[in-house]
Amino acid sequence: MVRVNAATTDPLARIAELSGVGEAVDEARTVVDKLLGHRVLRRRSADVSLESALRGAHASAVLDGADVSLEQVRAGEVEDARVKGALRVSGELGQLVETWPKAPRQVLARLHTLAAADAFAGDVADRLGRPRAVGETAQDPMGLGAPPSPVEVEARLEALGALLERRSSAPALVVSAVVHGELMALRPFGWGDGLVARAAERLVLIERGLDPKSLAAPELGHEQRREGYAEGLRGYLTGTPEGVRAWVLHCCAAVADGARDSLATCEALKRG
């Protein structure tokens, strides 16, 4: 896993220089730019964003273990806490964009509160939005193994927050991949961490201007490449240049997949 050190000068920029990363970033950006330039968006941008949000939320919940079809989600026939949480998170991302670069930890707490609102009740409801404490377990739907200790989680969340507040010169796709990977590695909250990590990835892409209207659904790309998603995360956990590189390449491909899916939505709207 990447050791994020706030004292190191722009470590994310060094990741952007790894072999093949620049090419992968350019390829994904080309697909996203094609989506952003589609003429349907002149009058149906909100429709494409809503469809992307729905499809992304469904994919994210499935990655966390939900067994539900997109049609069921669209019809509102789902009681699964993961699906309901993913939908809440997706619906509020736009309201968190301005706060994200100034107070990322505050936003992460809010994302978890939205994601896990139906998972905790009664005396444990105060766990919403706060990192897990000693003795609290963390779910592991991707089979990544034991997470770091709460002490390490706290230190690395602080370092990640400081790094994001300082701003990196690295492309948005690299920053979003590292934020996603770091949160999956830490599993800071114990439940719904995947929902939070994937939402944070998308939030970076919005806030840094790659996809300002949240039209692409990278969650869908991760779900379509599920085996590569888990393999890429395990590579990220090694902290080696090769492992981190493979993870960033996977994330670039997932963003491109999500953009292509929304391009298909645009074409369907154009046909009426």
Protein backbone atom coordinates (compact mmCIF):
# COMPACT_ATOMS: atom_id res chain seq x y z
CA MET A 1 0.00 0.00 0.00
CA VAL A 2 1.14 3.55 -0.61
CA ARG A 3 2.69 5.15 2.43
CA VAL A 4 1.17 8.59 2.19
CA ASN A 5 3.54 11.03 3.88
CA ALA A 6 2.40 14.62 4.11
CA ALA A 7 6.02 15.73 4.54
CA THR A 8 7.06 14.25 1.19
CA THR A 9 6.84 16.60 -1.79
CA ASP A 10 3.90 15.53 -3.95
CA PRO A 11 4.23 11.73 -3.76
CA LEU A 12 1.23 11.34 -6.07
CA ALA A 13 3.13 13.08 -8.87
CA ARG A 14 5.75 10.33 -8.64
CA ILE A 15 3.04 7.72 -9.16
CA ALA A 16 1.92 9.56 -12.30
CA GLU A 17 5.44 9.06 -13.68
CA LEU A 18 5.33 5.25 -13.41
CA SER A 19 5.55 3.34 -16.68
CA GLY A 20 2.29 3.26 -18.63
CA VAL A 21 0.36 5.50 -16.24
CA GLY A 22 0.50 8.57 -18.46
CA GLU A 23 -0.80 6.61 -21.42
CA ALA A 24 -3.62 5.06 -19.38
CA VAL A 25 -4.61 8.49 -18.05
CA ASP A 26 -4.68 9.92 -21.56
CA GLU A 27 -6.79 7.03 -22.88
CA ALA A 28 -9.35 7.37 -20.10
CA ARG A 29 -9.45 11.15 -20.44
CA THR A 30 -10.11 10.81 -24.17
CA VAL A 31 -13.19 8.67 -23.53
CA VAL A 32 -14.46 11.02 -20.82
CA ASP A 33 -13.92 14.04 -23.09
CA LYS A 34 -15.90 12.29 -25.82
CA LEU A 35 -18.72 11.81 -23.33
CA LEU A 36 -18.59 15.44 -22.19
CA GLY A 37 -18.82 16.60 -25.79
CA HIS A 38 -21.90 14.56 -26.69
CA ARG A 39 -24.58 16.83 -28.08
CA VAL A 40 -27.36 15.16 -26.07
CA LEU A 41 -25.89 16.74 -22.94
CA ARG A 42 -26.92 20.20 -24.15
CA ARG A 43 -30.46 19.42 -23.00
CA ARG A 44 -30.38 16.05 -21.23
CA SER A 45 -27.29 16.33 -19.01
CA ALA A 46 -29.31 15.87 -15.82
CA ASP A 47 -30.89 12.69 -17.17
CA VAL A 48 -27.49 11.19 -17.99
CA SER A 49 -26.14 12.15 -14.56
CA LEU A 50 -29.12 10.55 -12.81
CA GLU A 51 -28.76 7.34 -14.79
CA SER A 52 -25.04 7.26 -14.10
CA ALA A 53 -25.68 7.77 -10.38
CA LEU A 54 -28.21 4.93 -10.30
CA ARG A 55 -26.03 2.49 -12.22
CA GLY A 56 -22.97 3.44 -10.20
CA ALA A 57 -24.77 2.99 -6.89
CA HIS A 58 -26.05 -0.42 -7.94
CA ALA A 59 -22.57 -1.55 -9.03
CA SER A 60 -20.98 -0.30 -5.80
CA ALA A 61 -23.54 -2.14 -3.66
CA VAL A 62 -22.99 -5.34 -5.66
CA LEU A 63 -19.25 -5.09 -5.07
CA ASP A 64 -19.97 -4.89 -1.34
CA GLY A 65 -22.02 -8.09 -1.53
CA ALA A 66 -25.57 -7.03 -2.40
CA ASP A 67 -27.50 -9.54 -4.50
CA VAL A 68 -29.94 -7.37 -6.40
CA SER A 69 -30.63 -6.49 -10.02
CA LEU A 70 -30.51 -3.03 -11.54
CA GLU A 71 -34.19 -3.38 -12.43
CA GLN A 72 -35.07 -3.96 -8.77
CA VAL A 73 -33.09 -0.89 -7.73
CA ARG A 74 -34.72 1.20 -10.45
CA ALA A 75 -38.16 0.07 -9.25
CA GLY A 76 -37.36 0.91 -5.62
CA GLU A 77 -37.96 -2.69 -4.54
CA VAL A 78 -34.83 -3.09 -2.42
CA GLU A 79 -34.37 -3.18 1.35
CA ASP A 80 -30.69 -4.13 1.35
CA ALA A 81 -28.80 -1.64 3.56
CA ARG A 82 -25.88 -1.57 1.10
CA VAL A 83 -28.09 -0.56 -1.81
CA LYS A 84 -29.95 2.06 0.19
CA GLY A 85 -26.66 3.45 1.47
CA ALA A 86 -25.10 3.55 -1.98
CA LEU A 87 -28.11 5.44 -3.33
CA ARG A 88 -27.95 7.99 -0.51
CA VAL A 89 -24.23 8.50 -1.07
CA SER A 90 -24.70 8.91 -4.80
CA GLY A 91 -27.49 11.42 -4.31
CA GLU A 92 -25.44 13.72 -2.07
CA LEU A 93 -22.06 13.75 -3.84
CA GLY A 94 -22.77 17.03 -5.58
CA GLN A 95 -23.33 18.77 -2.26
CA LEU A 96 -19.94 17.62 -0.95
CA VAL A 97 -17.75 18.81 -3.82
CA GLU A 98 -16.98 22.23 -2.36
CA THR A 99 -16.10 20.88 1.08
CA TRP A 100 -13.95 17.98 -0.14
CA PRO A 101 -10.67 19.82 -0.90
CA LYS A 102 -10.88 21.85 2.31
CA ALA A 103 -12.01 19.16 4.77
CA PRO A 104 -11.71 15.66 3.24
CA ARG A 105 -12.02 13.88 6.57
CA GLN A 106 -15.27 15.67 7.30
CA VAL A 107 -16.57 14.54 3.93
CA LEU A 108 -15.47 10.94 4.52
CA ALA A 109 -17.37 10.96 7.82
CA ARG A 110 -20.45 12.24 6.03
CA LEU A 111 -20.13 9.61 3.30
CA HIS A 112 -20.01 6.87 5.91
CA THR A 113 -22.99 8.29 7.76
CA LEU A 114 -24.96 8.18 4.51
CA ALA A 115 -23.69 4.74 3.52
CA ALA A 116 -24.24 3.01 6.85
CA ALA A 117 -27.39 4.70 8.17
CA ASP A 118 -29.42 1.49 7.81
CA ALA A 119 -26.66 -0.79 9.08
CA PHE A 120 -26.37 0.55 12.62
CA ALA A 121 -29.15 1.18 15.09
CA GLY A 122 -29.64 1.83 18.77
CA ASP A 123 -26.53 1.97 20.91
CA VAL A 124 -24.14 1.44 17.97
CA ALA A 125 -25.53 4.28 15.86
CA ASP A 126 -22.79 6.54 17.22
CA ARG A 127 -20.34 4.54 15.10
CA LEU A 128 -21.61 6.37 12.03
CA GLY A 129 -18.91 8.55 10.52
CA ARG A 130 -16.15 7.69 12.96
CA PRO A 131 -13.18 5.37 12.41
CA ARG A 132 -13.36 1.98 14.07
CA ALA A 133 -11.89 1.61 17.53
CA VAL A 134 -9.74 -1.12 19.02
CA GLY A 135 -11.66 -4.39 19.06
CA GLU A 136 -14.08 -3.38 16.30
CA THR A 137 -14.02 -5.60 13.23
CA ALA A 138 -13.94 -4.63 9.58
CA GLN A 139 -15.87 -6.39 6.84
CA ASP A 140 -13.81 -7.71 3.94
CA PRO A 141 -16.01 -8.33 0.87
CA MET A 142 -13.00 -8.22 -1.48
CA GLY A 143 -10.94 -10.74 0.50
CA LEU A 144 -8.04 -8.39 1.26
CA GLY A 145 -7.16 -9.86 4.64
CA ALA A 146 -6.74 -8.21 8.03
CA PRO A 147 -6.91 -4.39 7.96
CA PRO A 148 -4.44 -2.05 9.68
CA SER A 149 -4.92 -1.28 13.36
CA PRO A 150 -7.05 1.69 14.41
CA VAL A 151 -3.89 3.54 15.42
CA GLU A 152 -2.42 3.15 11.94
CA VAL A 153 -5.75 4.02 10.35
CA GLU A 154 -5.87 7.30 12.25
CA ALA A 155 -2.33 8.24 11.26
CA ARG A 156 -2.82 7.42 7.61
CA LEU A 157 -6.18 9.18 7.39
CA GLU A 158 -4.52 12.30 8.76
CA ALA A 159 -1.71 12.01 6.22
CA LEU A 160 -4.15 11.43 3.36
CA GLY A 161 -6.25 14.41 4.41
CA ALA A 162 -3.19 16.66 4.63
CA LEU A 163 -2.04 15.54 1.20
CA LEU A 164 -5.42 16.24 -0.38
CA GLU A 165 -5.68 19.66 1.24
CA ARG A 166 -2.23 20.57 -0.08
CA ARG A 167 -3.24 19.66 -3.65
CA SER A 168 -1.18 17.52 -5.99
CA SER A 169 -0.02 18.23 -9.51
CA ALA A 170 -0.87 14.62 -10.43
CA PRO A 171 -3.78 14.01 -12.82
CA ALA A 172 -7.23 13.58 -11.28
CA LEU A 173 -7.26 9.91 -12.33
CA VAL A 174 -4.11 9.22 -10.31
CA VAL A 175 -5.34 11.11 -7.25
CA SER A 176 -8.71 9.37 -7.36
CA ALA A 177 -7.10 5.94 -7.70
CA VAL A 178 -4.85 6.50 -4.69
CA VAL A 179 -7.71 7.85 -2.56
CA HIS A 180 -9.81 4.82 -3.50
CA GLY A 181 -6.98 2.35 -2.89
CA GLU A 182 -5.94 3.90 0.41
CA LEU A 183 -9.47 3.81 1.81
CA MET A 184 -9.92 0.20 0.73
CA ALA A 185 -6.60 -0.69 2.33
CA LEU A 186 -7.51 1.02 5.60
CA ARG A 187 -11.19 0.02 5.78
CA PRO A 188 -11.45 2.81 8.36
CA PHE A 189 -15.09 2.44 9.36
CA GLY A 190 -15.54 -1.33 9.40
CA TRP A 191 -18.81 -1.40 7.42
CA GLY A 192 -19.51 0.21 4.07
CA ASP A 193 -15.89 1.08 3.43
CA GLY A 194 -16.17 0.05 -0.22
CA LEU A 195 -19.16 2.33 -0.72
CA VAL A 196 -17.20 5.21 0.81
CA ALA A 197 -13.99 4.49 -1.14
CA ARG A 198 -15.72 4.32 -4.50
CA ALA A 199 -17.73 7.46 -3.76
CA ALA A 200 -14.53 9.28 -2.80
CA GLU A 201 -12.94 8.24 -6.07
CA ARG A 202 -15.86 9.70 -7.99
CA LEU A 203 -15.82 12.83 -5.85
CA VAL A 204 -12.18 13.48 -6.76
CA LEU A 205 -13.01 13.18 -10.46
CA ILE A 206 -15.83 15.70 -10.06
CA GLU A 207 -13.97 18.18 -7.86
CA ARG A 208 -10.79 18.14 -9.95
CA GLY A 209 -12.71 18.82 -13.15
CA LEU A 210 -12.27 15.60 -15.09
CA ASP A 211 -15.99 14.82 -14.89
CA PRO A 212 -17.59 17.92 -13.35
CA LYS A 213 -21.19 16.80 -13.94
CA SER A 214 -20.61 13.26 -12.66
CA LEU A 215 -21.60 11.65 -15.94
CA ALA A 216 -19.29 8.62 -15.87
CA ALA A 217 -19.73 5.73 -13.42
CA PRO A 218 -16.35 4.24 -12.47
CA GLU A 219 -18.13 1.95 -9.99
CA LEU A 220 -19.68 0.20 -12.98
CA GLY A 221 -16.24 -0.33 -14.49
CA HIS A 222 -14.96 -1.81 -11.24
CA GLU A 223 -17.91 -4.18 -11.07
CA GLN A 224 -17.52 -5.24 -14.70
CA ARG A 225 -13.83 -5.90 -14.02
CA ARG A 226 -14.45 -7.46 -10.62
CA GLU A 227 -11.55 -9.94 -10.74
CA GLY A 228 -9.17 -7.22 -11.86
CA TYR A 229 -10.56 -4.96 -9.13
CA ALA A 230 -9.67 -7.38 -6.36
CA GLU A 231 -6.32 -8.20 -7.96
CA GLY A 232 -5.52 -4.51 -8.38
CA LEU A 233 -6.34 -3.81 -4.74
CA ARG A 234 -4.06 -6.61 -3.62
CA GLY A 235 -1.34 -5.09 -5.76
CA TYR A 236 -1.91 -1.70 -4.16
CA LEU A 237 -1.57 -3.30 -0.72
CA THR A 238 1.97 -4.44 -1.55
CA GLY A 239 3.07 -0.81 -1.82
CA THR A 240 5.47 -1.70 -4.61
CA PRO A 241 5.73 0.49 -7.72
CA GLU A 242 4.48 -2.44 -9.79
CA GLY A 243 1.48 -3.03 -7.55
CA VAL A 244 0.50 0.62 -7.35
CA ARG A 245 0.98 1.01 -11.11
CA ALA A 246 -1.33 -1.95 -11.82
CA TRP A 247 -3.99 -0.48 -9.52
CA VAL A 248 -3.88 2.92 -11.21
CA LEU A 249 -4.11 1.28 -14.64
CA HIS A 250 -7.16 -0.67 -13.48
CA CYS A 251 -8.83 2.50 -12.17
CA CYS A 252 -8.19 4.34 -15.45
CA ALA A 253 -9.80 1.46 -17.34
CA ALA A 254 -12.79 1.45 -14.97
CA VAL A 255 -13.37 5.18 -15.47
CA ALA A 256 -13.20 4.70 -19.24
CA ASP A 257 -15.71 1.83 -18.97
CA GLY A 258 -18.06 4.04 -16.97
CA ALA A 259 -17.76 6.81 -19.54
CA ARG A 260 -18.53 4.39 -22.37
CA ASP A 261 -21.63 3.21 -20.55
CA SER A 262 -22.84 6.79 -20.25
CA LEU A 263 -22.07 7.35 -23.93
CA ALA A 264 -24.45 4.47 -24.61
CA THR A 265 -27.04 6.23 -22.45
CA CYS A 266 -26.55 9.39 -24.51
CA GLU A 267 -27.06 7.46 -27.73
CA ALA A 268 -30.22 5.86 -26.38
CA LEU A 269 -31.60 9.29 -25.43
CA LYS A 270 -30.71 10.64 -28.85
CA ARG A 271 -32.71 7.85 -30.51
CA GLY A 272 -35.65 8.68 -28.24
